[in-house]
Amino acid sequence: MLTINNSMDKKTIISLLLLVAGVLGLLLWGGSTASRGGDNALVSSELVTATALYDFGRISMKDGNVRTRFSVTNPTSRDITLKSVVTSCMCTEAFIVNGDLKRGPFGMPGHGGVVPKANEIIKAGETREIEVVYDPNAHGPAGVGPIGRFIYLIEEDEKTLELQIRAVVTP
């Protein structure tokens, strides 16, 4: 009986050590990828915004969609082509607003259809509004609690400006 317990204890200890080593290895690998930029790291955009994060605070599912706008400016001396606008989740849509013109919706690729290309030229010194609409009901009753969603403005040279919204969703 003592041999079985020792054998089981050794197997358990070895399994736990392998599990811990695997988790540490993944953490170290992820950290080293982030520190060197990684394949999916965002390259700094030439477009600028005064506020890249908007916090809705507490929002209720029963009140429906919430929206905000980000002002994005081209401070350079050349035109910038905004190739695409994509979101990190199907619950979030974005629109490009230029005066009275509103283009979109732009959303998450691969969910519910094709996300159109933006192909928006922002001339030197011009500003565009990016309207973001978040649907707190998109995930159903399980979608309560804190959320963070991202909107990526991707230039034709792949430089990317990341915008973010946050909220705490209540029923």
N, C-alpha and C. Protein backbone atom coordinates (compact mmCIF):
# COMPACT_ATOMS: atom_id res chain seq x y z
N MET A 1 0.82 -1.19 0.00
CA MET A 1 0.00 0.00 0.00
C MET A 1 0.86 1.25 0.00
N LEU A 2 1.93 1.22 0.75
CA LEU A 2 2.82 2.37 0.81
C LEU A 2 3.47 2.62 -0.54
N THR A 3 3.81 1.57 -1.28
CA THR A 3 4.42 1.71 -2.60
C THR A 3 3.44 2.37 -3.57
N ILE A 4 2.18 2.00 -3.53
CA ILE A 4 1.17 2.58 -4.43
C ILE A 4 1.03 4.07 -4.15
N ASN A 5 0.95 4.45 -2.87
CA ASN A 5 0.81 5.87 -2.53
C ASN A 5 2.04 6.65 -2.98
N ASN A 6 3.23 6.09 -2.74
CA ASN A 6 4.44 6.77 -3.18
C ASN A 6 4.45 6.90 -4.69
N SER A 7 4.04 5.82 -5.38
CA SER A 7 4.00 5.86 -6.85
C SER A 7 3.00 6.90 -7.33
N MET A 8 1.82 6.95 -6.69
CA MET A 8 0.82 7.93 -7.07
C MET A 8 1.30 9.34 -6.76
N ASP A 9 1.96 9.50 -5.61
CA ASP A 9 2.48 10.81 -5.24
C ASP A 9 3.54 11.26 -6.24
N LYS A 10 4.41 10.35 -6.67
CA LYS A 10 5.44 10.70 -7.64
C LYS A 10 4.81 11.10 -8.98
N LYS A 11 3.81 10.35 -9.42
CA LYS A 11 3.12 10.69 -10.67
C LYS A 11 2.44 12.04 -10.56
N THR A 12 1.80 12.30 -9.45
CA THR A 12 1.12 13.57 -9.25
C THR A 12 2.12 14.72 -9.24
N ILE A 13 3.23 14.53 -8.53
CA ILE A 13 4.25 15.58 -8.45
C ILE A 13 4.86 15.83 -9.83
N ILE A 14 5.17 14.78 -10.54
CA ILE A 14 5.75 14.94 -11.88
C ILE A 14 4.75 15.63 -12.81
N SER A 15 3.48 15.25 -12.75
CA SER A 15 2.46 15.89 -13.58
C SER A 15 2.33 17.37 -13.25
N LEU A 16 2.32 17.70 -11.97
CA LEU A 16 2.22 19.10 -11.57
C LEU A 16 3.44 19.90 -12.02
N LEU A 17 4.63 19.32 -11.88
CA LEU A 17 5.85 20.00 -12.32
C LEU A 17 5.83 20.24 -13.83
N LEU A 18 5.38 19.26 -14.60
CA LEU A 18 5.29 19.44 -16.04
C LEU A 18 4.27 20.51 -16.41
N LEU A 19 3.17 20.54 -15.69
CA LEU A 19 2.14 21.55 -15.93
C LEU A 19 2.68 22.95 -15.63
N VAL A 20 3.35 23.10 -14.49
CA VAL A 20 3.92 24.40 -14.11
C VAL A 20 4.99 24.82 -15.12
N ALA A 21 5.84 23.88 -15.53
CA ALA A 21 6.88 24.19 -16.51
C ALA A 21 6.25 24.62 -17.84
N GLY A 22 5.17 23.96 -18.24
CA GLY A 22 4.49 24.33 -19.48
C GLY A 22 3.89 25.73 -19.42
N VAL A 23 3.24 26.03 -18.31
CA VAL A 23 2.64 27.36 -18.14
C VAL A 23 3.72 28.44 -18.11
N LEU A 24 4.80 28.19 -17.37
CA LEU A 24 5.91 29.16 -17.34
C LEU A 24 6.53 29.34 -18.72
N GLY A 25 6.67 28.25 -19.44
CA GLY A 25 7.22 28.33 -20.79
C GLY A 25 6.35 29.18 -21.69
N LEU A 26 5.04 29.00 -21.61
CA LEU A 26 4.11 29.82 -22.42
C LEU A 26 4.18 31.29 -22.02
N LEU A 27 4.26 31.55 -20.71
CA LEU A 27 4.35 32.94 -20.26
C LEU A 27 5.64 33.59 -20.74
N LEU A 28 6.74 32.88 -20.63
CA LEU A 28 8.02 33.42 -21.09
C LEU A 28 8.02 33.63 -22.60
N TRP A 29 7.46 32.68 -23.34
CA TRP A 29 7.41 32.81 -24.80
C TRP A 29 6.55 34.00 -25.19
N GLY A 30 5.38 34.16 -24.54
CA GLY A 30 4.50 35.29 -24.82
C GLY A 30 5.15 36.60 -24.46
N GLY A 31 5.86 36.66 -23.33
CA GLY A 31 6.54 37.87 -22.93
C GLY A 31 7.66 38.24 -23.88
N SER A 32 8.39 37.26 -24.37
CA SER A 32 9.49 37.58 -25.29
C SER A 32 8.95 38.03 -26.64
N THR A 33 7.81 37.48 -27.07
CA THR A 33 7.19 37.93 -28.32
C THR A 33 6.74 39.37 -28.19
N ALA A 34 6.12 39.71 -27.04
CA ALA A 34 5.65 41.08 -26.85
C ALA A 34 6.82 42.06 -26.79
N SER A 35 7.90 41.67 -26.13
CA SER A 35 9.00 42.61 -25.99
C SER A 35 9.72 42.87 -27.30
N ARG A 36 9.69 41.93 -28.22
CA ARG A 36 10.38 42.18 -29.49
C ARG A 36 9.42 42.64 -30.58
N GLY A 37 8.18 42.86 -30.20
CA GLY A 37 7.22 43.38 -31.17
C GLY A 37 6.27 42.31 -31.66
N GLY A 38 6.70 41.09 -31.77
CA GLY A 38 5.83 40.00 -32.20
C GLY A 38 5.32 40.18 -33.61
N ASP A 39 4.80 39.12 -34.19
CA ASP A 39 4.29 39.17 -35.55
C ASP A 39 3.02 40.00 -35.65
N ASN A 40 2.24 40.03 -34.58
CA ASN A 40 0.95 40.72 -34.63
C ASN A 40 0.95 42.04 -33.88
N ALA A 41 2.12 42.52 -33.48
CA ALA A 41 2.19 43.78 -32.74
C ALA A 41 1.76 44.94 -33.64
N LEU A 42 1.11 45.90 -33.02
CA LEU A 42 0.65 47.06 -33.77
C LEU A 42 1.81 48.02 -34.00
N VAL A 43 1.92 48.49 -35.23
CA VAL A 43 2.92 49.49 -35.58
C VAL A 43 2.27 50.84 -35.35
N SER A 44 3.01 51.76 -34.81
CA SER A 44 2.48 53.08 -34.52
C SER A 44 1.96 53.75 -35.79
N SER A 45 0.77 54.30 -35.70
CA SER A 45 0.11 54.96 -36.81
C SER A 45 0.58 56.40 -36.95
N GLU A 46 0.45 56.93 -38.15
CA GLU A 46 0.70 58.36 -38.34
C GLU A 46 -0.55 59.16 -38.02
N LEU A 47 -1.70 58.51 -38.00
CA LEU A 47 -2.93 59.16 -37.59
C LEU A 47 -2.88 59.37 -36.08
N VAL A 48 -3.50 60.45 -35.61
CA VAL A 48 -3.48 60.73 -34.18
C VAL A 48 -4.90 60.99 -33.68
N THR A 49 -5.07 60.72 -32.40
CA THR A 49 -6.33 61.01 -31.73
C THR A 49 -6.00 61.52 -30.34
N ALA A 50 -6.79 62.47 -29.85
CA ALA A 50 -6.56 63.00 -28.51
C ALA A 50 -6.93 61.97 -27.45
N THR A 51 -7.91 61.12 -27.77
CA THR A 51 -8.37 60.10 -26.84
C THR A 51 -8.54 58.79 -27.57
N ALA A 52 -7.75 57.79 -27.19
CA ALA A 52 -7.83 56.47 -27.83
C ALA A 52 -8.68 55.50 -27.02
N LEU A 53 -9.16 55.93 -25.84
CA LEU A 53 -9.96 55.08 -24.97
C LEU A 53 -11.19 55.85 -24.53
N TYR A 54 -12.35 55.21 -24.66
CA TYR A 54 -13.58 55.79 -24.13
C TYR A 54 -14.22 54.78 -23.20
N ASP A 55 -14.53 55.22 -21.98
CA ASP A 55 -15.16 54.36 -20.98
C ASP A 55 -16.61 54.78 -20.82
N PHE A 56 -17.54 53.90 -21.20
CA PHE A 56 -18.96 54.19 -21.06
C PHE A 56 -19.41 54.13 -19.60
N GLY A 57 -18.60 53.55 -18.74
CA GLY A 57 -19.00 53.35 -17.35
C GLY A 57 -19.99 52.19 -17.28
N ARG A 58 -20.98 52.31 -16.39
CA ARG A 58 -21.99 51.26 -16.25
C ARG A 58 -23.09 51.48 -17.29
N ILE A 59 -23.37 50.44 -18.06
CA ILE A 59 -24.46 50.50 -19.03
C ILE A 59 -25.37 49.30 -18.82
N SER A 60 -26.64 49.49 -19.12
CA SER A 60 -27.63 48.43 -18.91
C SER A 60 -28.01 47.80 -20.24
N MET A 61 -28.12 46.49 -20.24
CA MET A 61 -28.56 45.78 -21.44
C MET A 61 -29.94 46.27 -21.87
N LYS A 62 -30.79 46.57 -20.92
CA LYS A 62 -32.16 46.97 -21.25
C LYS A 62 -32.23 48.32 -21.97
N ASP A 63 -31.16 49.13 -21.88
CA ASP A 63 -31.14 50.43 -22.55
C ASP A 63 -30.64 50.35 -23.99
N GLY A 64 -30.16 49.19 -24.40
CA GLY A 64 -29.75 49.01 -25.80
C GLY A 64 -28.37 49.56 -26.13
N ASN A 65 -28.15 49.78 -27.43
CA ASN A 65 -26.84 50.18 -27.94
C ASN A 65 -26.36 51.51 -27.35
N VAL A 66 -25.04 51.59 -27.22
CA VAL A 66 -24.39 52.84 -26.82
C VAL A 66 -23.41 53.22 -27.93
N ARG A 67 -23.12 54.51 -28.05
CA ARG A 67 -22.21 54.95 -29.11
C ARG A 67 -21.36 56.11 -28.62
N THR A 68 -20.21 56.23 -29.26
CA THR A 68 -19.31 57.34 -29.01
C THR A 68 -18.55 57.64 -30.30
N ARG A 69 -17.86 58.76 -30.32
CA ARG A 69 -17.06 59.13 -31.49
C ARG A 69 -15.64 59.48 -31.07
N PHE A 70 -14.70 59.04 -31.90
CA PHE A 70 -13.30 59.40 -31.75
C PHE A 70 -12.93 60.31 -32.92
N SER A 71 -12.24 61.40 -32.65
CA SER A 71 -11.72 62.26 -33.72
C SER A 71 -10.32 61.79 -34.07
N VAL A 72 -10.10 61.54 -35.35
CA VAL A 72 -8.80 61.05 -35.83
C VAL A 72 -8.30 62.04 -36.87
N THR A 73 -7.06 62.49 -36.70
CA THR A 73 -6.49 63.53 -37.56
C THR A 73 -5.23 63.05 -38.25
N ASN A 74 -5.03 63.52 -39.47
CA ASN A 74 -3.79 63.28 -40.21
C ASN A 74 -2.91 64.52 -40.05
N PRO A 75 -1.91 64.48 -39.16
CA PRO A 75 -1.07 65.65 -38.92
C PRO A 75 0.10 65.77 -39.90
N THR A 76 0.22 64.84 -40.82
CA THR A 76 1.36 64.82 -41.73
C THR A 76 1.14 65.78 -42.90
N SER A 77 2.13 65.88 -43.76
CA SER A 77 2.03 66.73 -44.95
C SER A 77 1.62 65.93 -46.18
N ARG A 78 1.24 64.68 -46.00
CA ARG A 78 0.83 63.83 -47.12
C ARG A 78 -0.51 63.17 -46.81
N ASP A 79 -1.18 62.72 -47.85
CA ASP A 79 -2.45 62.01 -47.68
C ASP A 79 -2.18 60.62 -47.09
N ILE A 80 -3.09 60.17 -46.26
CA ILE A 80 -3.02 58.82 -45.69
C ILE A 80 -4.29 58.09 -46.13
N THR A 81 -4.10 56.87 -46.66
CA THR A 81 -5.25 56.05 -47.04
C THR A 81 -5.53 55.06 -45.92
N LEU A 82 -6.73 55.18 -45.37
CA LEU A 82 -7.19 54.24 -44.36
C LEU A 82 -7.76 53.05 -45.12
N LYS A 83 -6.99 51.96 -45.14
CA LYS A 83 -7.35 50.77 -45.93
C LYS A 83 -8.56 50.04 -45.35
N SER A 84 -8.55 49.84 -44.04
CA SER A 84 -9.65 49.10 -43.43
C SER A 84 -9.87 49.53 -41.99
N VAL A 85 -11.08 49.25 -41.52
CA VAL A 85 -11.47 49.48 -40.14
C VAL A 85 -12.09 48.17 -39.68
N VAL A 86 -11.53 47.58 -38.63
CA VAL A 86 -12.06 46.32 -38.11
C VAL A 86 -12.22 46.41 -36.60
N THR A 87 -13.13 45.60 -36.08
CA THR A 87 -13.37 45.57 -34.64
C THR A 87 -12.97 44.22 -34.08
N SER A 88 -12.79 44.18 -32.77
CA SER A 88 -12.33 42.95 -32.12
C SER A 88 -13.46 41.99 -31.78
N CYS A 89 -14.70 42.41 -31.95
CA CYS A 89 -15.82 41.55 -31.59
C CYS A 89 -17.03 41.89 -32.44
N MET A 90 -17.88 40.91 -32.67
CA MET A 90 -19.06 41.12 -33.49
C MET A 90 -20.08 42.05 -32.82
N CYS A 91 -19.93 42.30 -31.53
CA CYS A 91 -20.84 43.18 -30.81
C CYS A 91 -20.53 44.66 -31.03
N THR A 92 -19.47 44.94 -31.77
CA THR A 92 -19.01 46.30 -31.97
C THR A 92 -18.94 46.62 -33.45
N GLU A 93 -19.47 47.78 -33.83
CA GLU A 93 -19.40 48.26 -35.21
C GLU A 93 -18.77 49.64 -35.21
N ALA A 94 -18.13 49.97 -36.33
CA ALA A 94 -17.53 51.30 -36.48
C ALA A 94 -17.97 51.90 -37.80
N PHE A 95 -18.04 53.22 -37.82
CA PHE A 95 -18.41 53.97 -39.02
C PHE A 95 -17.40 55.11 -39.20
N ILE A 96 -17.10 55.43 -40.44
CA ILE A 96 -16.27 56.60 -40.75
C ILE A 96 -17.22 57.74 -41.06
N VAL A 97 -17.07 58.85 -40.34
CA VAL A 97 -17.95 60.00 -40.54
C VAL A 97 -17.10 61.17 -41.05
N ASN A 98 -17.53 61.72 -42.19
CA ASN A 98 -16.86 62.87 -42.80
C ASN A 98 -17.95 63.88 -43.14
N GLY A 99 -18.15 64.83 -42.22
CA GLY A 99 -19.24 65.79 -42.41
C GLY A 99 -20.58 65.10 -42.33
N ASP A 100 -21.37 65.21 -43.40
CA ASP A 100 -22.68 64.57 -43.45
C ASP A 100 -22.63 63.14 -43.97
N LEU A 101 -21.46 62.70 -44.46
CA LEU A 101 -21.31 61.35 -45.00
C LEU A 101 -20.90 60.38 -43.90
N LYS A 102 -21.58 59.22 -43.88
CA LYS A 102 -21.29 58.19 -42.89
C LYS A 102 -21.14 56.87 -43.61
N ARG A 103 -19.95 56.25 -43.51
CA ARG A 103 -19.69 54.98 -44.20
C ARG A 103 -19.51 53.87 -43.18
N GLY A 104 -20.03 52.69 -43.57
CA GLY A 104 -19.92 51.52 -42.71
C GLY A 104 -21.22 50.75 -42.79
N PRO A 105 -21.47 49.83 -41.93
CA PRO A 105 -20.67 49.51 -40.75
C PRO A 105 -19.45 48.65 -41.08
N PHE A 106 -18.42 48.86 -40.28
CA PHE A 106 -17.23 48.02 -40.32
C PHE A 106 -17.25 47.21 -39.04
N GLY A 107 -16.92 45.93 -39.14
CA GLY A 107 -17.01 45.07 -37.97
C GLY A 107 -15.88 44.08 -37.88
N MET A 108 -16.18 42.96 -37.25
CA MET A 108 -15.20 41.90 -37.04
C MET A 108 -15.15 40.99 -38.26
N PRO A 109 -13.97 40.80 -38.82
CA PRO A 109 -13.86 39.91 -39.99
C PRO A 109 -14.27 38.48 -39.64
N GLY A 110 -14.95 37.83 -40.58
CA GLY A 110 -15.28 36.42 -40.42
C GLY A 110 -16.55 36.14 -39.67
N HIS A 111 -17.28 37.16 -39.26
CA HIS A 111 -18.52 36.93 -38.52
C HIS A 111 -19.67 37.64 -39.21
N GLY A 112 -20.53 36.86 -39.83
CA GLY A 112 -21.75 37.40 -40.40
C GLY A 112 -21.57 38.15 -41.71
N GLY A 113 -20.54 37.86 -42.42
CA GLY A 113 -20.40 38.52 -43.71
C GLY A 113 -19.03 39.15 -43.90
N VAL A 114 -18.91 39.83 -45.01
CA VAL A 114 -17.65 40.45 -45.37
C VAL A 114 -17.60 41.87 -44.83
N VAL A 115 -16.48 42.23 -44.22
CA VAL A 115 -16.28 43.59 -43.77
C VAL A 115 -15.77 44.39 -44.97
N PRO A 116 -16.47 45.46 -45.34
CA PRO A 116 -16.04 46.22 -46.52
C PRO A 116 -14.70 46.91 -46.28
N LYS A 117 -13.96 47.13 -47.35
CA LYS A 117 -12.73 47.90 -47.27
C LYS A 117 -13.10 49.36 -47.05
N ALA A 118 -12.31 50.06 -46.30
CA ALA A 118 -12.59 51.47 -46.03
C ALA A 118 -12.14 52.34 -47.19
N ASN A 119 -10.88 52.16 -47.61
CA ASN A 119 -10.30 52.96 -48.70
C ASN A 119 -10.66 54.44 -48.56
N GLU A 120 -10.47 54.96 -47.37
CA GLU A 120 -10.78 56.37 -47.06
C GLU A 120 -9.49 57.18 -47.10
N ILE A 121 -9.44 58.18 -47.95
CA ILE A 121 -8.27 59.04 -48.03
C ILE A 121 -8.47 60.20 -47.06
N ILE A 122 -7.53 60.33 -46.14
CA ILE A 122 -7.55 61.44 -45.19
C ILE A 122 -6.40 62.36 -45.58
N LYS A 123 -6.76 63.49 -46.14
CA LYS A 123 -5.75 64.43 -46.64
C LYS A 123 -4.99 65.06 -45.47
N ALA A 124 -3.82 65.58 -45.79
CA ALA A 124 -2.98 66.24 -44.78
C ALA A 124 -3.79 67.28 -44.03
N GLY A 125 -3.78 67.20 -42.71
CA GLY A 125 -4.48 68.17 -41.88
C GLY A 125 -5.96 67.88 -41.67
N GLU A 126 -6.52 66.90 -42.37
CA GLU A 126 -7.95 66.59 -42.23
C GLU A 126 -8.22 65.71 -41.02
N THR A 127 -9.49 65.75 -40.59
CA THR A 127 -9.95 64.95 -39.47
C THR A 127 -11.15 64.13 -39.91
N ARG A 128 -11.25 62.93 -39.38
CA ARG A 128 -12.43 62.09 -39.55
C ARG A 128 -12.92 61.70 -38.16
N GLU A 129 -14.20 61.48 -38.07
CA GLU A 129 -14.79 60.94 -36.85
C GLU A 129 -14.97 59.44 -37.06
N ILE A 130 -14.63 58.67 -36.06
CA ILE A 130 -14.91 57.23 -36.08
C ILE A 130 -16.00 57.01 -35.04
N GLU A 131 -17.19 56.69 -35.52
CA GLU A 131 -18.31 56.42 -34.62
C GLU A 131 -18.29 54.93 -34.28
N VAL A 132 -18.35 54.64 -33.00
CA VAL A 132 -18.32 53.26 -32.52
C VAL A 132 -19.64 52.97 -31.82
N VAL A 133 -20.25 51.85 -32.21
CA VAL A 133 -21.52 51.43 -31.63
C VAL A 133 -21.31 50.06 -30.98
N TYR A 134 -21.64 49.98 -29.69
CA TYR A 134 -21.51 48.73 -28.94
C TYR A 134 -22.90 48.23 -28.56
N ASP A 135 -23.17 46.96 -28.85
CA ASP A 135 -24.45 46.33 -28.53
C ASP A 135 -24.27 45.45 -27.30
N PRO A 136 -24.73 45.89 -26.12
CA PRO A 136 -24.54 45.09 -24.91
C PRO A 136 -25.38 43.81 -24.89
N ASN A 137 -26.33 43.67 -25.81
CA ASN A 137 -27.16 42.47 -25.86
C ASN A 137 -26.60 41.39 -26.78
N ALA A 138 -25.54 41.67 -27.49
CA ALA A 138 -25.02 40.74 -28.49
C ALA A 138 -24.60 39.40 -27.91
N HIS A 139 -24.18 39.39 -26.67
CA HIS A 139 -23.71 38.14 -26.05
C HIS A 139 -24.75 37.51 -25.14
N GLY A 140 -25.95 38.07 -25.12
CA GLY A 140 -27.02 37.50 -24.30
C GLY A 140 -26.78 37.71 -22.82
N PRO A 141 -27.52 36.99 -21.98
CA PRO A 141 -27.44 37.18 -20.53
C PRO A 141 -26.05 36.91 -19.96
N ALA A 142 -25.25 36.12 -20.65
CA ALA A 142 -23.90 35.82 -20.14
C ALA A 142 -22.94 36.98 -20.37
N GLY A 143 -23.37 38.00 -21.11
CA GLY A 143 -22.48 39.10 -21.46
C GLY A 143 -22.43 40.23 -20.46
N VAL A 144 -22.74 39.97 -19.20
CA VAL A 144 -22.67 41.03 -18.20
C VAL A 144 -21.28 41.07 -17.58
N GLY A 145 -20.95 42.24 -17.03
CA GLY A 145 -19.64 42.43 -16.41
C GLY A 145 -18.78 43.37 -17.23
N PRO A 146 -17.50 43.47 -16.87
CA PRO A 146 -16.62 44.40 -17.58
C PRO A 146 -16.30 43.92 -18.99
N ILE A 147 -16.25 44.85 -19.93
CA ILE A 147 -15.88 44.53 -21.31
C ILE A 147 -14.83 45.52 -21.79
N GLY A 148 -14.05 45.09 -22.75
CA GLY A 148 -13.10 45.94 -23.44
C GLY A 148 -13.10 45.52 -24.90
N ARG A 149 -13.34 46.44 -25.80
CA ARG A 149 -13.37 46.14 -27.23
C ARG A 149 -12.44 47.09 -27.96
N PHE A 150 -11.91 46.62 -29.08
CA PHE A 150 -10.93 47.39 -29.83
C PHE A 150 -11.42 47.66 -31.25
N ILE A 151 -11.00 48.80 -31.77
CA ILE A 151 -11.27 49.18 -33.14
C ILE A 151 -9.92 49.50 -33.75
N TYR A 152 -9.60 48.86 -34.88
CA TYR A 152 -8.29 49.02 -35.51
C TYR A 152 -8.46 49.79 -36.81
N LEU A 153 -7.77 50.92 -36.93
CA LEU A 153 -7.75 51.71 -38.16
C LEU A 153 -6.44 51.36 -38.85
N ILE A 154 -6.52 50.64 -39.97
CA ILE A 154 -5.34 50.10 -40.64
C ILE A 154 -5.06 50.89 -41.91
N GLU A 155 -3.88 51.49 -41.95
CA GLU A 155 -3.47 52.29 -43.11
C GLU A 155 -2.98 51.35 -44.21
N GLU A 156 -2.83 51.87 -45.41
CA GLU A 156 -2.42 51.01 -46.53
C GLU A 156 -1.02 50.45 -46.35
N ASP A 157 -0.18 51.07 -45.53
CA ASP A 157 1.16 50.53 -45.27
C ASP A 157 1.18 49.69 -43.99
N GLU A 158 -0.02 49.28 -43.54
CA GLU A 158 -0.24 48.40 -42.39
C GLU A 158 0.00 49.07 -41.03
N LYS A 159 0.35 50.34 -41.00
CA LYS A 159 0.42 51.03 -39.71
C LYS A 159 -0.99 51.08 -39.16
N THR A 160 -1.11 50.93 -37.84
CA THR A 160 -2.43 50.76 -37.24
C THR A 160 -2.61 51.67 -36.03
N LEU A 161 -3.77 52.31 -35.98
CA LEU A 161 -4.17 53.08 -34.81
C LEU A 161 -5.22 52.25 -34.09
N GLU A 162 -5.02 52.01 -32.82
CA GLU A 162 -5.94 51.21 -32.02
C GLU A 162 -6.77 52.12 -31.13
N LEU A 163 -8.08 51.99 -31.23
CA LEU A 163 -9.01 52.68 -30.36
C LEU A 163 -9.65 51.64 -29.44
N GLN A 164 -10.10 52.06 -28.26
CA GLN A 164 -10.68 51.10 -27.32
C GLN A 164 -11.90 51.70 -26.64
N ILE A 165 -12.89 50.84 -26.42
CA ILE A 165 -14.03 51.20 -25.56
C ILE A 165 -14.08 50.22 -24.40
N ARG A 166 -14.59 50.72 -23.28
CA ARG A 166 -14.78 49.90 -22.08
C ARG A 166 -16.16 50.19 -21.53
N ALA A 167 -16.66 49.23 -20.78
CA ALA A 167 -17.93 49.42 -20.07
C ALA A 167 -18.08 48.31 -19.04
N VAL A 168 -19.00 48.51 -18.14
CA VAL A 168 -19.44 47.45 -17.24
C VAL A 168 -20.90 47.24 -17.58
N VAL A 169 -21.21 46.07 -18.12
CA VAL A 169 -22.56 45.77 -18.59
C VAL A 169 -23.38 45.16 -17.46
N THR A 170 -24.57 45.73 -17.23
CA THR A 170 -25.50 45.21 -16.24
C THR A 170 -26.77 44.73 -16.96
N PRO A 171 -27.54 43.85 -16.31
CA PRO A 171 -28.76 43.34 -16.96
C PRO A 171 -29.77 44.43 -17.31
